Amino acid sequence: MNMEFNQPVFAIGIVAHMVGVHQQTLRNYERWELVVPHRSDGGTRLYSSRDVEIIRQILKWKEELGLNLAGIEVMTKLLKKINLLEEKLDNLTLEIIRLRDGNYKFPIEEI
């Protein structure tokens, strides 16, 4: 993922304005660990573009699916598990391709 996308640069007030919610709403999302912003040395919450995207997804789920924060928490955990499983599947697929194509180097044991 792009380094700038994960760079914490936006203060809480800016993010609240960007997504159209109150700052307290963002603090509440943090309490639920739905989005956890970076903290500056002075303790200021700093959000990345990725964090803003997550917040927009949370708001979409609330509006379109009628989910409360507990439902969003469950959905978020399930999506993280799905992403992890997809990553493992991708790695296994690459491993199968390497084995099939003979590009895999087996470790040689010394006798």
N, C-alpha and C. Protein backbone atom coordinates (compact mmCIF):
# COMPACT_ATOMS: atom_id res chain seq x y z
N MET A 1 0.84 -1.18 0.00
CA MET A 1 0.00 0.00 0.00
C MET A 1 0.89 1.24 0.00
N ASN A 2 0.43 2.31 -0.59
CA ASN A 2 1.18 3.54 -0.71
C ASN A 2 1.52 4.12 0.65
N MET A 3 2.80 4.51 0.83
CA MET A 3 3.27 5.04 2.11
C MET A 3 2.51 6.31 2.48
N GLU A 4 2.23 7.19 1.51
CA GLU A 4 1.52 8.43 1.79
C GLU A 4 0.09 8.16 2.26
N PHE A 5 -0.51 7.08 1.78
CA PHE A 5 -1.86 6.70 2.15
C PHE A 5 -1.95 6.39 3.64
N ASN A 6 -0.86 5.87 4.20
CA ASN A 6 -0.82 5.50 5.62
C ASN A 6 -0.17 6.57 6.50
N GLN A 7 0.25 7.67 5.90
CA GLN A 7 0.93 8.73 6.64
C GLN A 7 -0.08 9.51 7.48
N PRO A 8 0.12 9.54 8.82
CA PRO A 8 -0.82 10.29 9.67
C PRO A 8 -0.59 11.80 9.57
N VAL A 9 -1.53 12.50 8.95
CA VAL A 9 -1.34 13.93 8.71
C VAL A 9 -2.53 14.80 9.11
N PHE A 10 -3.71 14.21 9.25
CA PHE A 10 -4.91 15.00 9.48
C PHE A 10 -5.28 15.04 10.96
N ALA A 11 -5.49 16.24 11.49
CA ALA A 11 -5.95 16.40 12.87
C ALA A 11 -7.43 16.03 12.95
N ILE A 12 -7.90 15.74 14.14
CA ILE A 12 -9.27 15.26 14.34
C ILE A 12 -10.32 16.24 13.81
N GLY A 13 -10.09 17.55 13.98
CA GLY A 13 -11.05 18.54 13.50
C GLY A 13 -11.17 18.53 11.99
N ILE A 14 -10.05 18.36 11.32
CA ILE A 14 -10.04 18.30 9.85
C ILE A 14 -10.80 17.06 9.37
N VAL A 15 -10.52 15.92 10.01
CA VAL A 15 -11.18 14.67 9.61
C VAL A 15 -12.68 14.76 9.86
N ALA A 16 -13.05 15.31 11.01
CA ALA A 16 -14.48 15.46 11.33
C ALA A 16 -15.17 16.28 10.24
N HIS A 17 -14.53 17.35 9.80
CA HIS A 17 -15.09 18.19 8.74
C HIS A 17 -15.14 17.42 7.41
N MET A 18 -14.08 16.67 7.10
CA MET A 18 -14.00 15.93 5.84
C MET A 18 -15.14 14.91 5.69
N VAL A 19 -15.48 14.25 6.80
CA VAL A 19 -16.48 13.17 6.72
C VAL A 19 -17.85 13.60 7.23
N GLY A 20 -17.94 14.81 7.78
CA GLY A 20 -19.24 15.34 8.21
C GLY A 20 -19.77 14.80 9.52
N VAL A 21 -18.87 14.55 10.47
CA VAL A 21 -19.30 14.10 11.80
C VAL A 21 -18.65 14.98 12.86
N HIS A 22 -19.12 14.86 14.08
CA HIS A 22 -18.56 15.59 15.20
C HIS A 22 -17.28 14.90 15.66
N GLN A 23 -16.38 15.66 16.23
CA GLN A 23 -15.13 15.10 16.74
C GLN A 23 -15.38 14.00 17.77
N GLN A 24 -16.43 14.17 18.56
CA GLN A 24 -16.75 13.17 19.58
C GLN A 24 -17.09 11.82 18.94
N THR A 25 -17.70 11.86 17.76
CA THR A 25 -18.00 10.63 17.03
C THR A 25 -16.71 9.88 16.71
N LEU A 26 -15.70 10.61 16.27
CA LEU A 26 -14.41 9.99 15.96
C LEU A 26 -13.75 9.43 17.21
N ARG A 27 -13.88 10.14 18.32
CA ARG A 27 -13.33 9.62 19.58
C ARG A 27 -14.05 8.34 19.99
N ASN A 28 -15.36 8.30 19.74
CA ASN A 28 -16.14 7.11 20.04
C ASN A 28 -15.69 5.93 19.17
N TYR A 29 -15.44 6.18 17.89
CA TYR A 29 -14.93 5.13 17.01
C TYR A 29 -13.59 4.61 17.52
N GLU A 30 -12.79 5.52 18.04
CA GLU A 30 -11.49 5.11 18.60
C GLU A 30 -11.69 4.23 19.83
N ARG A 31 -12.64 4.60 20.69
CA ARG A 31 -12.93 3.79 21.88
C ARG A 31 -13.33 2.37 21.49
N TRP A 32 -14.08 2.25 20.41
CA TRP A 32 -14.52 0.94 19.91
C TRP A 32 -13.42 0.25 19.11
N GLU A 33 -12.29 0.94 18.94
CA GLU A 33 -11.14 0.45 18.17
C GLU A 33 -11.51 0.15 16.72
N LEU A 34 -12.46 0.92 16.19
CA LEU A 34 -12.84 0.79 14.78
C LEU A 34 -11.81 1.48 13.90
N VAL A 35 -11.30 2.57 14.39
CA VAL A 35 -10.19 3.28 13.74
C VAL A 35 -9.34 3.85 14.87
N VAL A 36 -8.04 3.59 14.80
CA VAL A 36 -7.14 4.02 15.87
C VAL A 36 -6.09 4.95 15.24
N PRO A 37 -6.28 6.25 15.43
CA PRO A 37 -5.34 7.20 14.83
C PRO A 37 -3.98 7.15 15.52
N HIS A 38 -2.98 7.61 14.79
CA HIS A 38 -1.64 7.76 15.34
C HIS A 38 -1.68 8.91 16.36
N ARG A 39 -0.80 8.87 17.33
CA ARG A 39 -0.68 9.98 18.29
C ARG A 39 0.67 10.65 18.10
N SER A 40 0.65 11.97 18.02
CA SER A 40 1.90 12.73 17.93
C SER A 40 2.60 12.68 19.28
N ASP A 41 3.81 13.18 19.33
CA ASP A 41 4.55 13.22 20.60
C ASP A 41 3.78 14.01 21.66
N GLY A 42 3.01 14.98 21.22
CA GLY A 42 2.21 15.79 22.13
C GLY A 42 0.85 15.19 22.44
N GLY A 43 0.54 14.02 21.86
CA GLY A 43 -0.72 13.34 22.14
C GLY A 43 -1.86 13.69 21.18
N THR A 44 -1.57 14.50 20.16
CA THR A 44 -2.60 14.88 19.19
C THR A 44 -2.92 13.69 18.29
N ARG A 45 -4.22 13.46 18.09
CA ARG A 45 -4.64 12.41 17.17
C ARG A 45 -4.34 12.85 15.74
N LEU A 46 -3.69 11.98 14.99
CA LEU A 46 -3.40 12.25 13.59
C LEU A 46 -3.90 11.08 12.75
N TYR A 47 -4.74 11.39 11.78
CA TYR A 47 -5.36 10.37 10.94
C TYR A 47 -4.70 10.34 9.57
N SER A 48 -4.61 9.16 9.01
CA SER A 48 -4.08 8.99 7.65
C SER A 48 -5.25 8.96 6.66
N SER A 49 -4.92 8.99 5.39
CA SER A 49 -5.96 8.86 4.36
C SER A 49 -6.65 7.50 4.49
N ARG A 50 -5.90 6.49 4.88
CA ARG A 50 -6.48 5.16 5.09
C ARG A 50 -7.51 5.22 6.22
N ASP A 51 -7.16 5.91 7.32
CA ASP A 51 -8.10 6.07 8.43
C ASP A 51 -9.39 6.75 7.97
N VAL A 52 -9.24 7.79 7.16
CA VAL A 52 -10.41 8.52 6.65
C VAL A 52 -11.28 7.59 5.80
N GLU A 53 -10.64 6.74 5.00
CA GLU A 53 -11.39 5.78 4.19
C GLU A 53 -12.16 4.81 5.09
N ILE A 54 -11.55 4.35 6.16
CA ILE A 54 -12.21 3.44 7.10
C ILE A 54 -13.41 4.14 7.74
N ILE A 55 -13.25 5.39 8.14
CA ILE A 55 -14.35 6.15 8.75
C ILE A 55 -15.50 6.29 7.76
N ARG A 56 -15.19 6.57 6.52
CA ARG A 56 -16.25 6.68 5.50
C ARG A 56 -16.98 5.34 5.33
N GLN A 57 -16.25 4.24 5.42
CA GLN A 57 -16.87 2.92 5.32
C GLN A 57 -17.79 2.68 6.51
N ILE A 58 -17.35 3.06 7.69
CA ILE A 58 -18.18 2.93 8.90
C ILE A 58 -19.48 3.70 8.73
N LEU A 59 -19.37 4.93 8.26
CA LEU A 59 -20.56 5.76 8.07
C LEU A 59 -21.49 5.16 7.02
N LYS A 60 -20.92 4.56 5.98
CA LYS A 60 -21.72 3.92 4.94
C LYS A 60 -22.48 2.73 5.52
N TRP A 61 -21.81 1.92 6.33
CA TRP A 61 -22.47 0.76 6.96
C TRP A 61 -23.59 1.22 7.89
N LYS A 62 -23.33 2.31 8.62
CA LYS A 62 -24.37 2.82 9.52
C LYS A 62 -25.60 3.25 8.73
N GLU A 63 -25.37 3.98 7.65
CA GLU A 63 -26.49 4.52 6.87
C GLU A 63 -27.17 3.47 6.00
N GLU A 64 -26.38 2.73 5.24
CA GLU A 64 -26.97 1.80 4.27
C GLU A 64 -27.46 0.50 4.89
N LEU A 65 -26.76 0.01 5.91
CA LEU A 65 -27.12 -1.27 6.51
C LEU A 65 -27.80 -1.12 7.87
N GLY A 66 -27.79 0.09 8.40
CA GLY A 66 -28.40 0.32 9.71
C GLY A 66 -27.65 -0.32 10.86
N LEU A 67 -26.35 -0.55 10.67
CA LEU A 67 -25.56 -1.19 11.72
C LEU A 67 -25.24 -0.22 12.85
N ASN A 68 -25.26 -0.73 14.08
CA ASN A 68 -24.77 0.05 15.21
C ASN A 68 -23.28 -0.25 15.36
N LEU A 69 -22.63 0.37 16.34
CA LEU A 69 -21.18 0.21 16.48
C LEU A 69 -20.79 -1.23 16.79
N ALA A 70 -21.62 -1.94 17.54
CA ALA A 70 -21.32 -3.35 17.83
C ALA A 70 -21.34 -4.17 16.53
N GLY A 71 -22.31 -3.90 15.68
CA GLY A 71 -22.38 -4.58 14.39
C GLY A 71 -21.21 -4.24 13.50
N ILE A 72 -20.82 -2.98 13.52
CA ILE A 72 -19.68 -2.53 12.73
C ILE A 72 -18.40 -3.18 13.24
N GLU A 73 -18.30 -3.33 14.56
CA GLU A 73 -17.13 -3.98 15.15
C GLU A 73 -17.02 -5.43 14.65
N VAL A 74 -18.14 -6.14 14.66
CA VAL A 74 -18.16 -7.52 14.17
C VAL A 74 -17.79 -7.55 12.69
N MET A 75 -18.39 -6.67 11.89
CA MET A 75 -18.12 -6.61 10.46
C MET A 75 -16.63 -6.33 10.21
N THR A 76 -16.05 -5.40 10.96
CA THR A 76 -14.65 -5.05 10.80
C THR A 76 -13.75 -6.24 11.11
N LYS A 77 -14.05 -6.95 12.20
CA LYS A 77 -13.24 -8.12 12.56
C LYS A 77 -13.35 -9.21 11.50
N LEU A 78 -14.55 -9.42 10.97
CA LEU A 78 -14.72 -10.42 9.92
C LEU A 78 -13.95 -10.04 8.65
N LEU A 79 -14.00 -8.77 8.28
CA LEU A 79 -13.27 -8.33 7.09
C LEU A 79 -11.77 -8.47 7.27
N LYS A 80 -11.27 -8.20 8.48
CA LYS A 80 -9.83 -8.38 8.74
C LYS A 80 -9.46 -9.85 8.58
N LYS A 81 -10.30 -10.75 9.09
CA LYS A 81 -10.04 -12.18 8.95
C LYS A 81 -10.08 -12.60 7.49
N ILE A 82 -11.05 -12.08 6.75
CA ILE A 82 -11.14 -12.39 5.32
C ILE A 82 -9.89 -11.92 4.59
N ASN A 83 -9.44 -10.70 4.88
CA ASN A 83 -8.24 -10.17 4.24
C ASN A 83 -7.02 -11.02 4.55
N LEU A 84 -6.91 -11.47 5.80
CA LEU A 84 -5.79 -12.32 6.21
C LEU A 84 -5.85 -13.65 5.46
N LEU A 85 -7.04 -14.24 5.37
CA LEU A 85 -7.19 -15.50 4.65
C LEU A 85 -6.90 -15.34 3.15
N GLU A 86 -7.32 -14.23 2.57
CA GLU A 86 -7.03 -13.97 1.15
C GLU A 86 -5.54 -13.84 0.92
N GLU A 87 -4.84 -13.19 1.86
CA GLU A 87 -3.39 -13.05 1.75
C GLU A 87 -2.72 -14.43 1.84
N LYS A 88 -3.18 -15.26 2.77
CA LYS A 88 -2.63 -16.62 2.89
C LYS A 88 -2.90 -17.43 1.62
N LEU A 89 -4.10 -17.29 1.08
CA LEU A 89 -4.45 -17.99 -0.16
C LEU A 89 -3.54 -17.55 -1.30
N ASP A 90 -3.29 -16.25 -1.41
CA ASP A 90 -2.39 -15.74 -2.45
C ASP A 90 -0.99 -16.34 -2.30
N ASN A 91 -0.49 -16.40 -1.06
CA ASN A 91 0.83 -16.97 -0.81
C ASN A 91 0.88 -18.45 -1.17
N LEU A 92 -0.17 -19.18 -0.81
CA LEU A 92 -0.22 -20.60 -1.15
C LEU A 92 -0.32 -20.82 -2.65
N THR A 93 -1.07 -19.97 -3.32
CA THR A 93 -1.19 -20.06 -4.78
C THR A 93 0.17 -19.85 -5.44
N LEU A 94 0.91 -18.86 -4.98
CA LEU A 94 2.26 -18.61 -5.52
C LEU A 94 3.17 -19.80 -5.26
N GLU A 95 3.05 -20.39 -4.09
CA GLU A 95 3.86 -21.55 -3.73
C GLU A 95 3.53 -22.73 -4.66
N ILE A 96 2.26 -22.95 -4.92
CA ILE A 96 1.84 -24.03 -5.83
C ILE A 96 2.39 -23.79 -7.23
N ILE A 97 2.33 -22.56 -7.69
CA ILE A 97 2.85 -22.23 -9.03
C ILE A 97 4.35 -22.50 -9.09
N ARG A 98 5.08 -22.10 -8.05
CA ARG A 98 6.53 -22.34 -8.02
C ARG A 98 6.83 -23.84 -8.04
N LEU A 99 6.08 -24.61 -7.26
CA LEU A 99 6.28 -26.06 -7.23
C LEU A 99 5.95 -26.69 -8.58
N ARG A 100 4.84 -26.26 -9.16
CA ARG A 100 4.41 -26.80 -10.45
C ARG A 100 5.42 -26.49 -11.56
N ASP A 101 5.96 -25.29 -11.53
CA ASP A 101 6.89 -24.86 -12.58
C ASP A 101 8.33 -25.28 -12.31
N GLY A 102 8.56 -25.92 -11.18
CA GLY A 102 9.92 -26.37 -10.86
C GLY A 102 10.84 -25.26 -10.42
N ASN A 103 10.29 -24.15 -9.99
CA ASN A 103 11.11 -23.02 -9.55
C ASN A 103 11.36 -23.01 -8.05
N TYR A 104 10.97 -24.08 -7.41
CA TYR A 104 11.13 -24.12 -5.96
C TYR A 104 12.45 -24.80 -5.63
N LYS A 105 13.21 -24.21 -4.75
CA LYS A 105 14.49 -24.77 -4.32
C LYS A 105 14.28 -25.44 -2.96
N PHE A 106 14.42 -26.76 -2.98
CA PHE A 106 14.29 -27.50 -1.73
C PHE A 106 15.59 -27.37 -0.95
N PRO A 107 15.50 -27.22 0.36
CA PRO A 107 16.73 -27.14 1.15
C PRO A 107 17.47 -28.48 1.11
N ILE A 108 18.76 -28.41 0.94
CA ILE A 108 19.58 -29.62 0.88
C ILE A 108 20.13 -29.89 2.27
N GLU A 109 19.84 -31.08 2.75
CA GLU A 109 20.34 -31.45 4.07
C GLU A 109 21.73 -32.05 3.91
N GLU A 110 22.60 -31.63 4.81
CA GLU A 110 23.95 -32.20 4.79
C GLU A 110 23.93 -33.53 5.51
N ILE A 111 24.66 -34.47 4.96
CA ILE A 111 24.70 -35.82 5.55
C ILE A 111 25.88 -35.94 6.46
